[in-house]
Amino acid sequence: MSEQGGLRRTLGVRDAVVIGLGSMVGAGIFAAPAPAARAAGTGLLAGLVVAGFVAYCNATSSARLAALYPASGGTYVYGRERLGEFWGYLAGWTFVVGKTASCAAMALTAGAYLWPGHERVVAVGAVVGLTAVNHRGVQRSVRLTRVIVAVVLAVLAAVVVACLGPGGGTTEQVPGGAATVGGVLEAAGLLFFAFAGYARIATLGEEVRDPARTIPRAVPVALGLALVVYAVVTAAVVSVLGTGGLAGSAAPLADAVRAAGAGWLAPVVRVGAAVAALGALLALILGVSRTTLAMARDGHLPGALAAVHPRFRVPHRAEWAVGAVVAAVVATVDLRGAIGFSSFGVLLYYAIANASAWTLNRTAAARVLPGAGLLGCLALAFALPAASVAAGAAVVLAGALVYGIRRTLKS
């Protein structure tokens, strides 16, 4: 088969759910609740509910579109087919840029937990190693993701038991600030960073068996499981630290188990956080490389990136290109603000997904969820910290400018 051939359909419902969980139950659960608590105060759980609802709207829209357009690329394909070439391009641009920042953040998170002070070395090695795993075929990635998800869920279960057990409620909680509407929306935008992984199922549409059946089943299952995990873990940690203590913690889950009298569990939590970050990185590279493949096929990126490996049936050049860019970023740039920057780009990406789903059916009832998802994505995107909004808007405008210049030169 030629290098320009299609990808191999090997993923069933269970595999797709595992990939979605690996993307969502990742490093976000170890990191995102703290900045969200600083923003929302006592409204933290309300922010989680808002993020979960917007994610559900997006997931429903994405599942409907993925069943209709079962090709690699996700919202890049949906926007192109339903709204026009520019909107598809803009979705692909925001996804690739935003998720490349997420890849770097996950790699640096793993490095910080595994070898503090040498996180960049570990991060580069992790990117190279996981890119090599993806290169060998999506089924190898699924098998590794299963192991990672199992380890992370076991660690999170231990944290919940420690916090809600007999000794968990004996520490003095630190009260959080008063909740405001703006703070709850900002927290929801930050927490959305953790929920955005279900898109990985849709971007792998060309590698899913019977996508019209598999994707609509897998997306809500993965999202529902992740939402339950986040709600239970967040509630357990807050029961020990309080929202104020959570807001001031650099490693909230490790601090929570220490405060609950289970200090021996803190090193286990650190390992779990590193494993979670690696799992999220693995799934992120999968998703970004597939969107890169789709954009290369349409000429928005170099055509060489559209190659598919004749044996492993993966977009090997796109994967290695993404890996190389992420490795360069983690080796040179400090990405502590990557959560906000990534959330802004991904929320705009899902806004385009909801706008695309809006066009599928003209009945009012069928448009409720995509309409709510569209408004929710825009509200959360612009409720993020001002620096994240400014940086994200600049990147989006730069992408639109590149598109306009290419169109002008072509015509």
Protein backbone atom coordinates (compact mmCIF):
# COMPACT_ATOMS: atom_id res chain seq x y z
CA MET A 1 0.00 0.00 0.00
CA SER A 2 1.22 3.51 -0.72
CA GLU A 3 2.27 5.96 1.90
CA GLN A 4 -0.76 8.07 1.03
CA GLY A 5 -3.18 5.21 1.88
CA GLY A 6 -5.73 5.26 4.69
CA LEU A 7 -5.19 4.37 8.33
CA ARG A 8 -6.12 0.96 9.74
CA ARG A 9 -9.47 0.58 11.56
CA THR A 10 -8.68 -1.47 14.66
CA LEU A 11 -10.33 0.35 17.60
CA GLY A 12 -13.58 -0.82 19.20
CA VAL A 13 -15.78 0.90 21.80
CA ARG A 14 -13.66 -0.24 24.75
CA ASP A 15 -10.42 0.90 23.09
CA ALA A 16 -11.92 4.30 22.28
CA VAL A 17 -13.16 4.74 25.86
CA VAL A 18 -9.68 3.89 27.18
CA ILE A 19 -8.07 6.50 24.92
CA GLY A 20 -10.60 9.10 26.05
CA LEU A 21 -10.03 8.29 29.72
CA GLY A 22 -6.27 8.34 29.22
CA SER A 23 -6.62 11.87 27.83
CA MET A 24 -8.97 13.20 30.52
CA VAL A 25 -7.89 11.41 33.72
CA GLY A 26 -4.37 12.66 33.29
CA ALA A 27 -2.20 15.30 34.88
CA GLY A 28 -5.13 17.72 34.95
CA ILE A 29 -6.61 16.08 38.04
CA PHE A 30 -3.29 16.61 39.85
CA ALA A 31 -2.82 20.23 38.75
CA ALA A 32 -5.99 21.97 37.49
CA PRO A 33 -8.06 22.02 40.73
CA ALA A 34 -5.61 24.36 42.52
CA PRO A 35 -5.77 27.32 40.08
CA ALA A 36 -9.50 26.66 39.69
CA ALA A 37 -9.95 26.92 43.48
CA ARG A 38 -8.03 30.22 43.50
CA ALA A 39 -10.45 31.58 40.89
CA ALA A 40 -13.73 30.19 42.22
CA GLY A 41 -13.21 30.03 45.98
CA THR A 42 -16.15 28.25 47.54
CA GLY A 43 -17.72 27.95 44.06
CA LEU A 44 -15.15 25.35 42.95
CA LEU A 45 -17.62 22.48 42.60
CA ALA A 46 -20.02 24.79 40.75
CA GLY A 47 -17.20 25.51 38.30
CA LEU A 48 -16.66 21.78 37.87
CA VAL A 49 -20.36 21.31 37.07
CA VAL A 50 -20.28 24.13 34.51
CA ALA A 51 -17.15 22.68 32.87
CA GLY A 52 -18.75 19.25 32.80
CA PHE A 53 -21.97 20.57 31.21
CA VAL A 54 -20.11 22.47 28.48
CA ALA A 55 -17.96 19.40 27.88
CA TYR A 56 -21.13 17.27 27.58
CA CYS A 57 -22.57 19.62 24.96
CA ASN A 58 -19.29 19.53 23.05
CA ALA A 59 -19.06 15.76 23.34
CA THR A 60 -22.58 15.29 21.98
CA SER A 61 -21.87 17.57 19.02
CA SER A 62 -18.51 15.91 18.35
CA ALA A 63 -20.02 12.41 18.50
CA ARG A 64 -22.76 13.28 16.00
CA LEU A 65 -20.27 14.85 13.61
CA ALA A 66 -17.70 12.06 13.97
CA ALA A 67 -20.30 9.44 13.06
CA LEU A 68 -21.10 11.42 9.89
CA TYR A 69 -17.47 12.23 9.00
CA PRO A 70 -15.33 9.28 10.25
CA ALA A 71 -11.97 10.69 9.12
CA SER A 72 -8.86 11.82 10.97
CA GLY A 73 -8.87 15.47 11.98
CA GLY A 74 -11.90 15.93 14.23
CA THR A 75 -13.36 19.45 14.16
CA TYR A 76 -10.95 20.44 11.41
CA VAL A 77 -12.92 18.11 9.13
CA TYR A 78 -16.34 19.04 10.58
CA GLY A 79 -15.78 22.78 10.26
CA ARG A 80 -14.51 22.40 6.70
CA GLU A 81 -17.48 20.28 5.64
CA ARG A 82 -20.25 22.18 7.45
CA LEU A 83 -19.04 25.79 7.66
CA GLY A 84 -16.41 26.22 4.96
CA GLU A 85 -12.69 25.86 4.43
CA PHE A 86 -11.65 28.82 6.60
CA TRP A 87 -13.50 27.62 9.70
CA GLY A 88 -12.11 24.13 9.30
CA TYR A 89 -8.61 25.56 8.97
CA LEU A 90 -9.10 27.77 12.03
CA ALA A 91 -10.29 24.79 14.08
CA GLY A 92 -7.25 22.79 13.03
CA TRP A 93 -4.92 25.70 13.77
CA THR A 94 -6.28 26.31 17.27
CA PHE A 95 -6.20 22.59 18.05
CA VAL A 96 -2.64 21.97 16.87
CA VAL A 97 -1.21 25.08 18.57
CA GLY A 98 -3.20 24.70 21.79
CA LYS A 99 -2.59 20.98 22.13
CA THR A 100 1.10 21.33 21.29
CA ALA A 101 1.30 23.62 24.34
CA SER A 102 -0.58 20.94 26.31
CA CYS A 103 1.92 18.30 25.17
CA ALA A 104 4.78 20.41 26.43
CA ALA A 105 3.01 21.08 29.73
CA MET A 106 2.34 17.37 30.28
CA ALA A 107 5.94 16.46 29.49
CA LEU A 108 7.28 19.09 31.89
CA THR A 109 4.82 17.95 34.57
CA ALA A 110 6.10 14.39 34.30
CA GLY A 111 9.66 15.64 34.50
CA ALA A 112 8.96 17.78 37.56
CA TYR A 113 7.49 14.81 39.44
CA LEU A 114 10.05 12.22 38.34
CA TRP A 115 13.28 14.25 38.63
CA PRO A 116 12.84 17.74 40.15
CA GLY A 117 15.43 20.16 38.87
CA HIS A 118 16.01 18.13 35.72
CA GLU A 119 12.47 18.20 34.35
CA ARG A 120 13.50 19.33 30.86
CA VAL A 121 15.77 16.32 30.34
CA VAL A 122 13.05 13.94 31.45
CA ALA A 123 10.45 15.79 29.35
CA VAL A 124 12.45 15.50 26.13
CA GLY A 125 13.10 11.81 26.77
CA ALA A 126 9.39 11.23 27.44
CA VAL A 127 8.38 12.93 24.20
CA VAL A 128 10.84 10.88 22.14
CA GLY A 129 9.89 7.62 23.82
CA LEU A 130 6.13 8.06 23.52
CA THR A 131 6.40 9.23 19.92
CA ALA A 132 8.27 6.00 19.20
CA VAL A 133 5.44 4.01 20.84
CA ASN A 134 2.85 5.78 18.67
CA HIS A 135 4.96 5.12 15.58
CA ARG A 136 4.59 1.36 16.08
CA GLY A 137 0.82 1.48 15.66
CA VAL A 138 -2.26 2.72 17.48
CA GLN A 139 -2.93 -0.66 19.15
CA ARG A 140 0.41 -0.45 20.99
CA SER A 141 -0.63 3.01 22.19
CA VAL A 142 -3.97 1.62 23.39
CA ARG A 143 -2.30 -1.19 25.36
CA LEU A 144 0.07 1.23 27.08
CA THR A 145 -2.82 3.62 27.78
CA ARG A 146 -4.77 0.80 29.48
CA VAL A 147 -1.90 0.26 31.91
CA ILE A 148 -1.54 4.00 32.56
CA VAL A 149 -5.27 4.48 33.18
CA ALA A 150 -5.33 1.52 35.60
CA VAL A 151 -2.37 2.91 37.59
CA VAL A 152 -3.79 6.43 37.77
CA LEU A 153 -7.26 5.26 38.83
CA ALA A 154 -5.71 3.09 41.56
CA VAL A 155 -3.72 6.08 42.90
CA LEU A 156 -6.79 8.34 42.81
CA ALA A 157 -8.83 5.69 44.65
CA ALA A 158 -6.16 5.56 47.36
CA VAL A 159 -6.28 9.36 47.69
CA VAL A 160 -10.07 9.32 48.09
CA VAL A 161 -9.95 6.54 50.71
CA ALA A 162 -7.23 8.39 52.66
CA CYS A 163 -9.15 11.69 52.62
CA LEU A 164 -12.57 10.25 53.45
CA GLY A 165 -11.31 7.61 55.89
CA PRO A 166 -11.32 7.83 59.69
CA GLY A 167 -8.38 10.25 59.87
CA GLY A 168 -9.29 12.36 56.88
CA GLY A 169 -11.65 14.80 58.55
CA THR A 170 -9.52 15.59 61.61
CA THR A 171 -7.43 18.39 60.04
CA GLU A 172 -8.54 22.02 60.08
CA GLN A 173 -9.81 23.16 56.69
CA VAL A 174 -8.78 26.49 55.20
CA PRO A 175 -11.88 28.35 53.98
CA GLY A 176 -11.86 29.70 50.46
CA GLY A 177 -12.87 33.09 49.14
CA ALA A 178 -16.44 34.00 48.32
CA ALA A 179 -17.75 32.66 45.04
CA THR A 180 -18.51 35.06 42.18
CA VAL A 181 -20.00 34.42 38.75
CA GLY A 182 -16.78 35.54 37.06
CA GLY A 183 -14.68 33.36 39.34
CA VAL A 184 -16.84 30.29 38.73
CA LEU A 185 -16.63 30.80 34.94
CA GLU A 186 -12.84 31.27 35.11
CA ALA A 187 -12.54 28.08 37.17
CA ALA A 188 -14.74 26.23 34.68
CA GLY A 189 -12.49 27.38 31.85
CA LEU A 190 -9.40 26.14 33.67
CA LEU A 191 -11.03 22.81 34.58
CA PHE A 192 -12.12 22.38 30.97
CA PHE A 193 -8.42 21.82 30.22
CA ALA A 194 -8.82 18.45 31.91
CA PHE A 195 -12.06 17.44 30.16
CA ALA A 196 -11.02 18.23 26.60
CA GLY A 197 -9.47 14.80 26.04
CA TYR A 198 -12.64 13.16 24.72
CA ALA A 199 -11.87 14.83 21.38
CA ARG A 200 -9.09 12.30 20.97
CA ILE A 201 -11.76 9.69 20.19
CA ALA A 202 -13.15 11.81 17.36
CA THR A 203 -9.75 12.71 15.91
CA LEU A 204 -9.03 8.97 15.64
CA GLY A 205 -12.18 8.46 13.57
CA GLU A 206 -10.30 6.90 10.68
CA GLU A 207 -8.92 4.18 12.99
CA VAL A 208 -12.23 3.21 14.64
CA ARG A 209 -14.27 0.19 13.59
CA ASP A 210 -17.87 1.05 12.67
CA PRO A 211 -17.45 4.75 13.61
CA ALA A 212 -21.17 5.56 13.26
CA ARG A 213 -21.81 3.19 16.18
CA THR A 214 -18.55 3.25 18.11
CA ILE A 215 -17.88 6.99 18.48
CA PRO A 216 -21.35 8.06 19.73
CA ARG A 217 -21.13 5.32 22.37
CA ALA A 218 -17.54 5.86 23.44
CA VAL A 219 -17.54 9.66 23.83
CA PRO A 220 -20.30 10.03 26.47
CA VAL A 221 -19.08 6.97 28.39
CA ALA A 222 -15.52 8.30 28.62
CA LEU A 223 -16.70 11.80 29.55
CA GLY A 224 -19.16 10.51 32.16
CA LEU A 225 -16.53 8.35 33.85
CA ALA A 226 -14.02 11.22 33.88
CA LEU A 227 -16.57 13.64 35.36
CA VAL A 228 -17.37 11.21 38.19
CA VAL A 229 -13.66 10.74 38.93
CA TYR A 230 -13.02 14.50 39.01
CA ALA A 231 -16.04 15.22 41.21
CA VAL A 232 -15.19 12.51 43.76
CA VAL A 233 -11.48 13.35 43.97
CA THR A 234 -12.09 17.11 44.20
CA ALA A 235 -14.72 16.68 46.91
CA ALA A 236 -12.39 14.38 48.88
CA VAL A 237 -9.47 16.82 48.71
CA VAL A 238 -11.67 19.79 49.66
CA SER A 239 -13.00 17.83 52.64
CA VAL A 240 -9.43 17.75 54.01
CA LEU A 241 -7.80 20.98 52.83
CA GLY A 242 -10.79 23.24 52.27
CA THR A 243 -10.98 25.33 49.11
CA GLY A 244 -8.51 27.83 50.58
CA GLY A 245 -5.94 25.14 51.31
CA LEU A 246 -6.46 23.64 47.86
CA ALA A 247 -6.00 27.05 46.24
CA GLY A 248 -2.64 27.55 47.98
CA SER A 249 -1.22 24.11 47.24
CA ALA A 250 1.35 23.36 44.56
CA ALA A 251 0.71 19.59 44.83
CA PRO A 252 -2.84 19.39 46.22
CA LEU A 253 -3.34 15.62 46.17
CA ALA A 254 -0.02 14.96 47.89
CA ASP A 255 -0.76 17.68 50.45
CA ALA A 256 -4.22 16.20 51.03
CA VAL A 257 -2.96 12.71 51.88
CA ARG A 258 -0.33 14.17 54.22
CA ALA A 259 -2.97 16.27 55.96
CA ALA A 260 -5.16 13.18 56.26
CA GLY A 261 -2.41 11.36 58.15
CA ALA A 262 -1.32 9.16 55.23
CA GLY A 263 2.03 10.77 54.49
CA TRP A 264 3.41 7.43 53.30
CA LEU A 265 1.07 7.77 50.31
CA ALA A 266 2.58 11.07 49.10
CA PRO A 267 5.44 9.44 47.08
CA VAL A 268 2.87 7.13 45.47
CA VAL A 269 0.82 10.17 44.49
CA ARG A 270 3.91 11.74 42.92
CA VAL A 271 4.49 8.63 40.82
CA GLY A 272 0.81 8.57 39.90
CA ALA A 273 0.98 12.20 38.77
CA ALA A 274 3.98 11.45 36.57
CA VAL A 275 2.28 8.40 35.06
CA ALA A 276 -0.89 10.45 34.46
CA ALA A 277 1.09 13.16 32.69
CA LEU A 278 2.76 10.56 30.48
CA GLY A 279 -0.62 9.02 29.64
CA ALA A 280 -2.05 12.40 28.70
CA LEU A 281 1.05 13.14 26.61
CA LEU A 282 0.69 9.83 24.76
CA ALA A 283 -2.93 10.56 23.85
CA LEU A 284 -2.17 14.19 22.97
CA ILE A 285 0.52 13.22 20.48
CA LEU A 286 -1.98 10.82 18.90
CA GLY A 287 -4.60 13.54 18.49
CA VAL A 288 -2.32 16.35 17.29
CA SER A 289 -0.60 14.13 14.73
CA ARG A 290 -3.97 13.05 13.24
CA THR A 291 -5.13 16.66 12.86
CA THR A 292 -1.74 17.48 11.32
CA LEU A 293 -2.27 14.61 8.87
CA ALA A 294 -5.70 15.94 7.86
CA MET A 295 -4.41 19.50 7.36
CA ALA A 296 -1.45 18.23 5.34
CA ARG A 297 -3.79 16.25 3.09
CA ASP A 298 -5.62 19.50 2.30
CA GLY A 299 -2.46 21.52 1.67
CA HIS A 300 -2.60 23.70 4.80
CA LEU A 301 0.61 22.04 6.06
CA PRO A 302 3.51 20.51 4.07
CA GLY A 303 2.27 17.57 1.97
CA ALA A 304 5.05 15.31 3.25
CA LEU A 305 3.24 15.17 6.61
CA ALA A 306 0.31 13.35 4.95
CA ALA A 307 2.35 10.16 4.56
CA VAL A 308 1.01 6.97 6.15
CA HIS A 309 3.49 4.24 7.11
CA PRO A 310 3.05 1.26 4.74
CA ARG A 311 3.41 -1.29 7.54
CA PHE A 312 2.09 0.29 10.74
CA ARG A 313 -0.61 2.41 9.02
CA VAL A 314 0.07 5.48 11.16
CA PRO A 315 0.89 9.07 10.07
CA HIS A 316 4.53 8.55 11.00
CA ARG A 317 5.93 11.80 9.60
CA ALA A 318 3.22 13.87 11.29
CA GLU A 319 3.90 12.06 14.59
CA TRP A 320 7.64 12.67 14.46
CA ALA A 321 7.11 16.29 13.38
CA VAL A 322 4.81 16.90 16.36
CA GLY A 323 7.27 15.13 18.65
CA ALA A 324 10.15 17.25 17.38
CA VAL A 325 8.26 20.52 17.90
CA VAL A 326 7.17 19.54 21.43
CA ALA A 327 10.70 18.42 22.33
CA ALA A 328 12.08 21.76 21.15
CA VAL A 329 9.49 23.67 23.17
CA VAL A 330 10.05 21.79 26.43
CA ALA A 331 13.81 22.18 26.06
CA THR A 332 13.66 25.95 25.73
CA VAL A 333 10.42 27.46 27.08
CA ASP A 334 8.80 27.76 30.50
CA LEU A 335 5.13 26.87 30.05
CA ARG A 336 3.61 27.48 33.48
CA GLY A 337 0.77 29.38 31.81
CA ALA A 338 0.10 26.58 29.34
CA ILE A 339 -3.18 25.51 30.97
CA GLY A 340 -4.89 28.83 30.28
CA PHE A 341 -3.37 29.18 26.82
CA SER A 342 -4.35 25.65 25.85
CA SER A 343 -7.87 26.05 27.24
CA PHE A 344 -8.45 29.19 25.18
CA GLY A 345 -7.45 27.49 21.94
CA VAL A 346 -9.38 24.30 22.65
CA LEU A 347 -12.53 26.16 23.70
CA LEU A 348 -12.52 28.00 20.36
CA TYR A 349 -11.97 24.63 18.65
CA TYR A 350 -15.11 23.25 20.32
CA ALA A 351 -17.06 26.42 19.57
CA ILE A 352 -16.51 25.60 15.89
CA ALA A 353 -17.56 21.99 16.55
CA ASN A 354 -20.84 23.17 18.09
CA ALA A 355 -21.44 25.63 15.26
CA SER A 356 -20.91 22.75 12.82
CA ALA A 357 -23.35 20.51 14.72
CA TRP A 358 -25.90 23.37 14.69
CA THR A 359 -26.15 22.95 10.90
CA LEU A 360 -26.99 19.22 11.07
CA ASN A 361 -30.64 19.67 12.01
CA ARG A 362 -32.88 22.72 11.77
CA THR A 363 -35.35 21.75 14.50
CA ALA A 364 -35.21 23.80 17.70
CA ALA A 365 -34.93 20.75 19.96
CA ALA A 366 -31.93 19.37 18.05
CA ARG A 367 -30.15 22.72 18.33
CA VAL A 368 -30.40 23.14 22.10
CA LEU A 369 -27.18 21.31 23.01
CA PRO A 370 -24.97 22.67 20.19
CA GLY A 371 -26.29 26.17 20.88
CA ALA A 372 -25.58 25.85 24.60
CA GLY A 373 -22.16 24.40 23.84
CA LEU A 374 -21.29 27.25 21.46
CA LEU A 375 -22.27 29.96 23.96
CA GLY A 376 -20.63 28.07 26.82
CA CYS A 377 -17.32 27.69 24.99
CA LEU A 378 -17.16 31.40 24.12
CA ALA A 379 -18.11 32.44 27.66
CA LEU A 380 -15.48 30.20 29.26
CA ALA A 381 -12.78 31.17 26.74
CA PHE A 382 -13.11 34.88 27.49
CA ALA A 383 -13.49 34.30 31.24
CA LEU A 384 -9.94 32.90 31.41
CA PRO A 385 -7.08 35.01 32.82
CA ALA A 386 -6.40 38.08 30.66
CA ALA A 387 -2.87 36.94 29.77
CA SER A 388 -4.17 33.63 28.44
CA VAL A 389 -6.88 35.36 26.42
CA ALA A 390 -4.42 37.87 24.94
CA ALA A 391 -1.87 35.20 23.98
CA GLY A 392 -4.55 32.89 22.57
CA ALA A 393 -6.19 35.67 20.56
CA ALA A 394 -2.81 36.68 19.10
CA VAL A 395 -2.14 33.10 17.97
CA VAL A 396 -5.60 32.78 16.41
CA LEU A 397 -5.18 36.05 14.54
CA ALA A 398 -1.74 34.95 13.34
CA GLY A 399 -3.26 31.74 11.97
CA ALA A 400 -6.02 33.67 10.21
CA LEU A 401 -3.40 35.99 8.70
CA VAL A 402 -1.40 33.03 7.37
CA TYR A 403 -4.55 31.61 5.81
CA GLY A 404 -5.39 34.94 4.16
CA ILE A 405 -1.88 35.33 2.72
CA ARG A 406 -1.94 31.78 1.32
CA ARG A 407 -5.34 32.32 -0.28
CA THR A 408 -4.19 35.59 -1.82
CA LEU A 409 -1.03 34.05 -3.26
CA LYS A 410 -2.95 31.04 -4.59
CA SER A 411 -5.55 33.21 -6.33
